[in-house]
PDB file of all heavy atoms in Angstrom:
ATOM      1  N   GLY A   1       0.828  -1.195   0.000  1.00  0.00           N
ATOM      2  CA  GLY A   1       0.000   0.000   0.000  1.00  0.00           C
ATOM      3  C   GLY A   1       0.861   1.243   0.000  1.00  0.00           C
ATOM      4  O   GLY A   1       1.912   1.271   0.645  1.00  0.00           O
ATOM      5  N   GLN A   2       0.454   2.237  -0.778  1.00  0.00           N
ATOM      6  CA  GLN A   2       1.110   3.541  -0.804  1.00  0.00           C
ATOM      7  C   GLN A   2       0.044   4.573  -0.466  1.00  0.00           C
ATOM      8  O   GLN A   2      -0.875   4.798  -1.253  1.00  0.00           O
ATOM      9  CB  GLN A   2       1.721   3.828  -2.170  1.00  0.00           C
ATOM     10  CG  GLN A   2       2.814   2.847  -2.547  1.00  0.00           C
ATOM     11  CD  GLN A   2       3.375   3.116  -3.933  1.00  0.00           C
ATOM     12  OE1 GLN A   2       2.803   3.848  -4.720  1.00  0.00           O
ATOM     13  NE2 GLN A   2       4.514   2.508  -4.220  1.00  0.00           N
ATOM     14  N   PHE A   3       0.166   5.165   0.704  1.00  0.00           N
ATOM     15  CA  PHE A   3      -0.877   6.046   1.221  1.00  0.00           C
ATOM     16  C   PHE A   3      -0.406   7.500   1.136  1.00  0.00           C
ATOM     17  O   PHE A   3       0.568   7.868   1.786  1.00  0.00           O
ATOM     18  CB  PHE A   3      -1.226   5.661   2.654  1.00  0.00           C
ATOM     19  CG  PHE A   3      -1.429   4.178   2.830  1.00  0.00           C
ATOM     20  CD1 PHE A   3      -0.586   3.434   3.628  1.00  0.00           C
ATOM     21  CD2 PHE A   3      -2.455   3.521   2.169  1.00  0.00           C
ATOM     22  CE1 PHE A   3      -0.762   2.068   3.802  1.00  0.00           C
ATOM     23  CE2 PHE A   3      -2.640   2.152   2.325  1.00  0.00           C
ATOM     24  CZ  PHE A   3      -1.791   1.422   3.140  1.00  0.00           C
ATOM     25  N   THR A   4      -1.099   8.290   0.331  1.00  0.00           N
ATOM     26  CA  THR A   4      -0.738   9.686   0.148  1.00  0.00           C
ATOM     27  C   THR A   4      -1.645  10.572   1.003  1.00  0.00           C
ATOM     28  O   THR A   4      -2.629  10.097   1.576  1.00  0.00           O
ATOM     29  CB  THR A   4      -0.856  10.087  -1.336  1.00  0.00           C
ATOM     30  OG1 THR A   4      -2.205   9.858  -1.769  1.00  0.00           O
ATOM     31  CG2 THR A   4       0.095   9.267  -2.197  1.00  0.00           C
ATOM     32  N   GLY A   5      -1.310  11.829   1.059  1.00  0.00           N
ATOM     33  CA  GLY A   5      -2.130  12.775   1.820  1.00  0.00           C
ATOM     34  C   GLY A   5      -1.912  12.692   3.315  1.00  0.00           C
ATOM     35  O   GLY A   5      -2.726  13.195   4.093  1.00  0.00           O
ATOM     36  N   ILE A   6      -0.816  12.068   3.746  1.00  0.00           N
ATOM     37  CA  ILE A   6      -0.529  11.945   5.173  1.00  0.00           C
ATOM     38  C   ILE A   6       0.106  13.261   5.634  1.00  0.00           C
ATOM     39  O   ILE A   6       1.116  13.694   5.076  1.00  0.00           O
ATOM     40  CB  ILE A   6       0.412  10.757   5.455  1.00  0.00           C
ATOM     41  CG1 ILE A   6      -0.100   9.472   4.786  1.00  0.00           C
ATOM     42  CG2 ILE A   6       0.600  10.571   6.955  1.00  0.00           C
ATOM     43  CD1 ILE A   6      -1.490   9.053   5.180  1.00  0.00           C
ATOM     44  N   THR A   7      -0.478  13.887   6.646  1.00  0.00           N
ATOM     45  CA  THR A   7      -0.023  15.200   7.098  1.00  0.00           C
ATOM     46  C   THR A   7       0.491  15.122   8.532  1.00  0.00           C
ATOM     47  O   THR A   7       0.396  14.082   9.186  1.00  0.00           O
ATOM     48  CB  THR A   7      -1.175  16.227   7.041  1.00  0.00           C
ATOM     49  OG1 THR A   7      -2.134  15.886   8.048  1.00  0.00           O
ATOM     50  CG2 THR A   7      -1.842  16.242   5.674  1.00  0.00           C
ATOM     51  N   ASN A   8       0.985  16.265   9.000  1.00  0.00           N
ATOM     52  CA  ASN A   8       1.432  16.358  10.389  1.00  0.00           C
ATOM     53  C   ASN A   8       0.394  17.053  11.263  1.00  0.00           C
ATOM     54  O   ASN A   8       0.666  17.392  12.400  1.00  0.00           O
ATOM     55  CB  ASN A   8       2.777  17.088  10.467  1.00  0.00           C
ATOM     56  CG  ASN A   8       2.698  18.500   9.913  1.00  0.00           C
ATOM     57  OD1 ASN A   8       1.625  19.063   9.733  1.00  0.00           O
ATOM     58  ND2 ASN A   8       3.859  19.071   9.619  1.00  0.00           N
ATOM     59  N   SER A   9      -0.807  17.249  10.691  1.00  0.00           N
ATOM     60  CA  SER A   9      -1.829  17.996  11.434  1.00  0.00           C
ATOM     61  C   SER A   9      -3.080  17.187  11.771  1.00  0.00           C
ATOM     62  O   SER A   9      -3.986  17.707  12.408  1.00  0.00           O
ATOM     63  CB  SER A   9      -2.241  19.235  10.632  1.00  0.00           C
ATOM     64  OG  SER A   9      -2.790  18.856   9.387  1.00  0.00           O
ATOM     65  N   GLY A  10      -3.148  15.943  11.333  1.00  0.00           N
ATOM     66  CA  GLY A  10      -4.327  15.138  11.644  1.00  0.00           C
ATOM     67  C   GLY A  10      -4.144  13.697  11.212  1.00  0.00           C
ATOM     68  O   GLY A  10      -3.252  13.367  10.436  1.00  0.00           O
ATOM     69  N   TRP A  11      -4.992  12.851  11.744  1.00  0.00           N
ATOM     70  CA  TRP A  11      -4.937  11.420  11.449  1.00  0.00           C
ATOM     71  C   TRP A  11      -5.620  11.120  10.122  1.00  0.00           C
ATOM     72  O   TRP A  11      -6.625  11.725   9.777  1.00  0.00           O
ATOM     73  CB  TRP A  11      -5.626  10.626  12.562  1.00  0.00           C
ATOM     74  CG  TRP A  11      -4.876  10.667  13.855  1.00  0.00           C
ATOM     75  CD1 TRP A  11      -5.046  11.563  14.881  1.00  0.00           C
ATOM     76  CD2 TRP A  11      -3.834   9.795  14.255  1.00  0.00           C
ATOM     77  NE1 TRP A  11      -4.173  11.288  15.890  1.00  0.00           N
ATOM     78  CE2 TRP A  11      -3.410  10.206  15.542  1.00  0.00           C
ATOM     79  CE3 TRP A  11      -3.207   8.708  13.663  1.00  0.00           C
ATOM     80  CZ2 TRP A  11      -2.397   9.557  16.239  1.00  0.00           C
ATOM     81  CZ3 TRP A  11      -2.193   8.056  14.367  1.00  0.00           C
ATOM     82  CH2 TRP A  11      -1.804   8.482  15.632  1.00  0.00           C
ATOM     83  N   THR A  12      -5.083  10.122   9.397  1.00  0.00           N
ATOM     84  CA  THR A  12      -5.660   9.640   8.144  1.00  0.00           C
ATOM     85  C   THR A  12      -5.853   8.137   8.261  1.00  0.00           C
ATOM     86  O   THR A  12      -4.916   7.412   8.631  1.00  0.00           O
ATOM     87  CB  THR A  12      -4.717   9.938   6.949  1.00  0.00           C
ATOM     88  OG1 THR A  12      -4.489  11.348   6.883  1.00  0.00           O
ATOM     89  CG2 THR A  12      -5.308   9.438   5.649  1.00  0.00           C
ATOM     90  N   GLN A  13      -7.057   7.673   7.946  1.00  0.00           N
ATOM     91  CA  GLN A  13      -7.283   6.230   7.949  1.00  0.00           C
ATOM     92  C   GLN A  13      -6.799   5.661   6.620  1.00  0.00           C
ATOM     93  O   GLN A  13      -7.110   6.194   5.553  1.00  0.00           O
ATOM     94  CB  GLN A  13      -8.750   5.882   8.149  1.00  0.00           C
ATOM     95  CG  GLN A  13      -8.957   4.376   8.278  1.00  0.00           C
ATOM     96  CD  GLN A  13     -10.393   4.000   8.572  1.00  0.00           C
ATOM     97  OE1 GLN A  13     -11.327   4.632   8.098  1.00  0.00           O
ATOM     98  NE2 GLN A  13     -10.576   2.955   9.366  1.00  0.00           N
ATOM     99  N   VAL A  14      -6.023   4.578   6.695  1.00  0.00           N
ATOM    100  CA  VAL A  14      -5.515   3.911   5.497  1.00  0.00           C
ATOM    101  C   VAL A  14      -6.031   2.479   5.481  1.00  0.00           C
ATOM    102  O   VAL A  14      -6.265   1.877   6.530  1.00  0.00           O
ATOM    103  CB  VAL A  14      -3.976   3.946   5.439  1.00  0.00           C
ATOM    104  CG1 VAL A  14      -3.467   5.385   5.356  1.00  0.00           C
ATOM    105  CG2 VAL A  14      -3.347   3.234   6.633  1.00  0.00           C
ATOM    106  N   THR A  15      -6.229   1.949   4.278  1.00  0.00           N
ATOM    107  CA  THR A  15      -6.673   0.570   4.127  1.00  0.00           C
ATOM    108  C   THR A  15      -5.900  -0.080   2.995  1.00  0.00           C
ATOM    109  O   THR A  15      -5.496   0.583   2.035  1.00  0.00           O
ATOM    110  CB  THR A  15      -8.182   0.470   3.809  1.00  0.00           C
ATOM    111  OG1 THR A  15      -8.429   1.137   2.574  1.00  0.00           O
ATOM    112  CG2 THR A  15      -9.012   1.110   4.904  1.00  0.00           C
ATOM    113  N   ALA A  16      -5.693  -1.366   3.110  1.00  0.00           N
ATOM    114  CA  ALA A  16      -5.030  -2.138   2.063  1.00  0.00           C
ATOM    115  C   ALA A  16      -5.602  -3.549   2.071  1.00  0.00           C
ATOM    116  O   ALA A  16      -5.895  -4.106   3.133  1.00  0.00           O
ATOM    117  CB  ALA A  16      -3.526  -2.189   2.272  1.00  0.00           C
ATOM    118  N   SER A  17      -5.765  -4.100   0.896  1.00  0.00           N
ATOM    119  CA  SER A  17      -6.162  -5.494   0.735  1.00  0.00           C
ATOM    120  C   SER A  17      -5.075  -6.150  -0.099  1.00  0.00           C
ATOM    121  O   SER A  17      -4.710  -5.642  -1.159  1.00  0.00           O
ATOM    122  CB  SER A  17      -7.517  -5.577   0.027  1.00  0.00           C
ATOM    123  OG  SER A  17      -7.895  -6.924  -0.132  1.00  0.00           O
ATOM    124  N   PHE A  18      -4.531  -7.251   0.401  1.00  0.00           N
ATOM    125  CA  PHE A  18      -3.415  -7.888  -0.306  1.00  0.00           C
ATOM    126  C   PHE A  18      -3.423  -9.389  -0.069  1.00  0.00           C
ATOM    127  O   PHE A  18      -4.039  -9.889   0.870  1.00  0.00           O
ATOM    128  CB  PHE A  18      -2.077  -7.281   0.130  1.00  0.00           C
ATOM    129  CG  PHE A  18      -1.796  -7.382   1.607  1.00  0.00           C
ATOM    130  CD1 PHE A  18      -1.101  -8.449   2.133  1.00  0.00           C
ATOM    131  CD2 PHE A  18      -2.238  -6.391   2.476  1.00  0.00           C
ATOM    132  CE1 PHE A  18      -0.844  -8.540   3.499  1.00  0.00           C
ATOM    133  CE2 PHE A  18      -1.996  -6.456   3.844  1.00  0.00           C
ATOM    134  CZ  PHE A  18      -1.286  -7.540   4.351  1.00  0.00           C
ATOM    135  N   THR A  19      -2.743 -10.086  -0.956  1.00  0.00           N
ATOM    136  CA  THR A  19      -2.595 -11.535  -0.864  1.00  0.00           C
ATOM    137  C   THR A  19      -1.104 -11.833  -0.887  1.00  0.00           C
ATOM    138  O   THR A  19      -0.473 -11.731  -1.942  1.00  0.00           O
ATOM    139  CB  THR A  19      -3.298 -12.244  -2.041  1.00  0.00           C
ATOM    140  OG1 THR A  19      -4.663 -11.833  -2.073  1.00  0.00           O
ATOM    141  CG2 THR A  19      -3.230 -13.753  -1.889  1.00  0.00           C
ATOM    142  N   PRO A  20      -0.509 -12.147   0.270  1.00  0.00           N
ATOM    143  CA  PRO A  20       0.938 -12.349   0.288  1.00  0.00           C
ATOM    144  C   PRO A  20       1.358 -13.586  -0.494  1.00  0.00           C
ATOM    145  O   PRO A  20       0.690 -14.614  -0.471  1.00  0.00           O
ATOM    146  CB  PRO A  20       1.265 -12.505   1.775  1.00  0.00           C
ATOM    147  CG  PRO A  20      -0.018 -12.842   2.449  1.00  0.00           C
ATOM    148  CD  PRO A  20      -1.116 -12.320   1.589  1.00  0.00           C
ATOM    149  N   ALA A  21       2.480 -13.439  -1.206  1.00  0.00           N
ATOM    150  CA  ALA A  21       3.101 -14.580  -1.875  1.00  0.00           C
ATOM    151  C   ALA A  21       3.786 -15.438  -0.801  1.00  0.00           C
ATOM    152  O   ALA A  21       3.864 -15.051   0.369  1.00  0.00           O
ATOM    153  CB  ALA A  21       4.110 -14.083  -2.905  1.00  0.00           C
ATOM    154  N   SER A  22       4.296 -16.585  -1.194  1.00  0.00           N
ATOM    155  CA  SER A  22       4.870 -17.513  -0.214  1.00  0.00           C
ATOM    156  C   SER A  22       6.142 -16.928   0.417  1.00  0.00           C
ATOM    157  O   SER A  22       6.847 -16.122  -0.190  1.00  0.00           O
ATOM    158  CB  SER A  22       5.166 -18.855  -0.865  1.00  0.00           C
ATOM    159  OG  SER A  22       6.132 -18.696  -1.875  1.00  0.00           O
ATOM    160  N   PHE A  23       6.390 -17.329   1.649  1.00  0.00           N
ATOM    161  CA  PHE A  23       7.590 -16.908   2.373  1.00  0.00           C
ATOM    162  C   PHE A  23       7.855 -17.890   3.501  1.00  0.00           C
ATOM    163  O   PHE A  23       6.957 -18.565   3.991  1.00  0.00           O
ATOM    164  CB  PHE A  23       7.454 -15.471   2.910  1.00  0.00           C
ATOM    165  CG  PHE A  23       6.289 -15.255   3.839  1.00  0.00           C
ATOM    166  CD1 PHE A  23       6.385 -15.521   5.199  1.00  0.00           C
ATOM    167  CD2 PHE A  23       5.082 -14.775   3.357  1.00  0.00           C
ATOM    168  CE1 PHE A  23       5.310 -15.308   6.056  1.00  0.00           C
ATOM    169  CE2 PHE A  23       4.001 -14.554   4.202  1.00  0.00           C
ATOM    170  CZ  PHE A  23       4.117 -14.823   5.561  1.00  0.00           C
ATOM    171  N   ASP A  24       9.137 -17.966   3.892  1.00  0.00           N
ATOM    172  CA  ASP A  24       9.518 -18.726   5.084  1.00  0.00           C
ATOM    173  C   ASP A  24       9.388 -17.845   6.320  1.00  0.00           C
ATOM    174  O   ASP A  24       8.947 -18.283   7.368  1.00  0.00           O
ATOM    175  CB  ASP A  24      10.956 -19.246   4.964  1.00  0.00           C
ATOM    176  CG  ASP A  24      11.137 -20.225   3.814  1.00  0.00           C
ATOM    177  OD1 ASP A  24      10.167 -20.939   3.477  1.00  0.00           O
ATOM    178  OD2 ASP A  24      12.242 -20.273   3.244  1.00  0.00           O
ATOM    179  N   ASP A  25       9.835 -16.590   6.181  1.00  0.00           N
ATOM    180  CA  ASP A  25       9.739 -15.593   7.245  1.00  0.00           C
ATOM    181  C   ASP A  25       9.190 -14.312   6.636  1.00  0.00           C
ATOM    182  O   ASP A  25       9.579 -13.932   5.522  1.00  0.00           O
ATOM    183  CB  ASP A  25      11.106 -15.302   7.876  1.00  0.00           C
ATOM    184  CG  ASP A  25      11.671 -16.513   8.594  1.00  0.00           C
ATOM    185  OD1 ASP A  25      11.023 -16.980   9.546  1.00  0.00           O
ATOM    186  OD2 ASP A  25      12.747 -16.981   8.205  1.00  0.00           O
ATOM    187  N   GLY A  26       8.313 -13.635   7.364  1.00  0.00           N
ATOM    188  CA  GLY A  26       7.738 -12.392   6.862  1.00  0.00           C
ATOM    189  C   GLY A  26       7.688 -11.316   7.924  1.00  0.00           C
ATOM    190  O   GLY A  26       7.420 -11.597   9.096  1.00  0.00           O
ATOM    191  N   VAL A  27       7.967 -10.079   7.508  1.00  0.00           N
ATOM    192  CA  VAL A  27       7.879  -8.920   8.396  1.00  0.00           C
ATOM    193  C   VAL A  27       7.038  -7.869   7.681  1.00  0.00           C
ATOM    194  O   VAL A  27       7.358  -7.458   6.564  1.00  0.00           O
ATOM    195  CB  VAL A  27       9.269  -8.350   8.743  1.00  0.00           C
ATOM    196  CG1 VAL A  27       9.141  -7.088   9.580  1.00  0.00           C
ATOM    197  CG2 VAL A  27      10.109  -9.392   9.468  1.00  0.00           C
ATOM    198  N   LEU A  28       5.957  -7.458   8.317  1.00  0.00           N
ATOM    199  CA  LEU A  28       5.052  -6.442   7.781  1.00  0.00           C
ATOM    200  C   LEU A  28       5.394  -5.126   8.470  1.00  0.00           C
ATOM    201  O   LEU A  28       5.505  -5.076   9.696  1.00  0.00           O
ATOM    202  CB  LEU A  28       3.606  -6.849   8.088  1.00  0.00           C
ATOM    203  CG  LEU A  28       2.490  -6.005   7.514  1.00  0.00           C
ATOM    204  CD1 LEU A  28       2.459  -6.115   5.994  1.00  0.00           C
ATOM    205  CD2 LEU A  28       1.149  -6.457   8.094  1.00  0.00           C
ATOM    206  N   TYR A  29       5.579  -4.053   7.673  1.00  0.00           N
ATOM    207  CA  TYR A  29       5.955  -2.797   8.311  1.00  0.00           C
ATOM    208  C   TYR A  29       5.469  -1.566   7.550  1.00  0.00           C
ATOM    209  O   TYR A  29       5.230  -1.605   6.360  1.00  0.00           O
ATOM    210  CB  TYR A  29       7.466  -2.716   8.536  1.00  0.00           C
ATOM    211  CG  TYR A  29       8.332  -2.762   7.305  1.00  0.00           C
ATOM    212  CD1 TYR A  29       8.841  -1.591   6.755  1.00  0.00           C
ATOM    213  CD2 TYR A  29       8.668  -3.966   6.701  1.00  0.00           C
ATOM    214  CE1 TYR A  29       9.654  -1.620   5.630  1.00  0.00           C
ATOM    215  CE2 TYR A  29       9.481  -4.007   5.590  1.00  0.00           C
ATOM    216  CZ  TYR A  29       9.980  -2.829   5.059  1.00  0.00           C
ATOM    217  OH  TYR A  29      10.770  -2.863   3.948  1.00  0.00           O
ATOM    218  N   PHE A  30       5.312  -0.476   8.314  1.00  0.00           N
ATOM    219  CA  PHE A  30       5.012   0.840   7.780  1.00  0.00           C
ATOM    220  C   PHE A  30       6.333   1.593   7.653  1.00  0.00           C
ATOM    221  O   PHE A  30       7.176   1.529   8.551  1.00  0.00           O
ATOM    222  CB  PHE A  30       4.089   1.633   8.722  1.00  0.00           C
ATOM    223  CG  PHE A  30       2.677   1.129   8.750  1.00  0.00           C
ATOM    224  CD1 PHE A  30       2.269   0.201   9.692  1.00  0.00           C
ATOM    225  CD2 PHE A  30       1.748   1.592   7.826  1.00  0.00           C
ATOM    226  CE1 PHE A  30       0.965  -0.249   9.732  1.00  0.00           C
ATOM    227  CE2 PHE A  30       0.432   1.147   7.855  1.00  0.00           C
ATOM    228  CZ  PHE A  30       0.044   0.216   8.808  1.00  0.00           C
ATOM    229  N   GLU A  31       6.493   2.320   6.557  1.00  0.00           N
ATOM    230  CA  GLU A  31       7.691   3.108   6.319  1.00  0.00           C
ATOM    231  C   GLU A  31       7.301   4.335   5.503  1.00  0.00           C
ATOM    232  O   GLU A  31       6.169   4.446   5.043  1.00  0.00           O
ATOM    233  CB  GLU A  31       8.733   2.292   5.554  1.00  0.00           C
ATOM    234  CG  GLU A  31       8.262   1.859   4.164  1.00  0.00           C
ATOM    235  CD  GLU A  31       9.285   1.052   3.391  1.00  0.00           C
ATOM    236  OE1 GLU A  31      10.493   1.237   3.604  1.00  0.00           O
ATOM    237  OE2 GLU A  31       8.868   0.232   2.561  1.00  0.00           O
ATOM    238  N   THR A  32       8.240   5.255   5.313  1.00  0.00           N
ATOM    239  CA  THR A  32       7.994   6.354   4.392  1.00  0.00           C
ATOM    240  C   THR A  32       8.418   5.911   2.995  1.00  0.00           C
ATOM    241  O   THR A  32       9.033   4.859   2.828  1.00  0.00           O
ATOM    242  CB  THR A  32       8.735   7.631   4.846  1.00  0.00           C
ATOM    243  OG1 THR A  32      10.082   7.312   5.182  1.00  0.00           O
ATOM    244  CG2 THR A  32       8.043   8.251   6.047  1.00  0.00           C
ATOM    245  N   ALA A  33       8.074   6.706   1.984  1.00  0.00           N
ATOM    246  CA  ALA A  33       8.268   6.323   0.581  1.00  0.00           C
ATOM    247  C   ALA A  33       9.710   5.956   0.263  1.00  0.00           C
ATOM    248  O   ALA A  33      10.648   6.624   0.698  1.00  0.00           O
ATOM    249  CB  ALA A  33       7.804   7.452  -0.333  1.00  0.00           C
TER     250      ALA A  33
END
């Protein structure tokens, strides 16, 4: 997911729907672009 419109003055609700490919180990994380 790439969520735009994120500001420093208020909260933004983000949503993503995804189907992960296979993995032995997985780490899900939020980051900047």
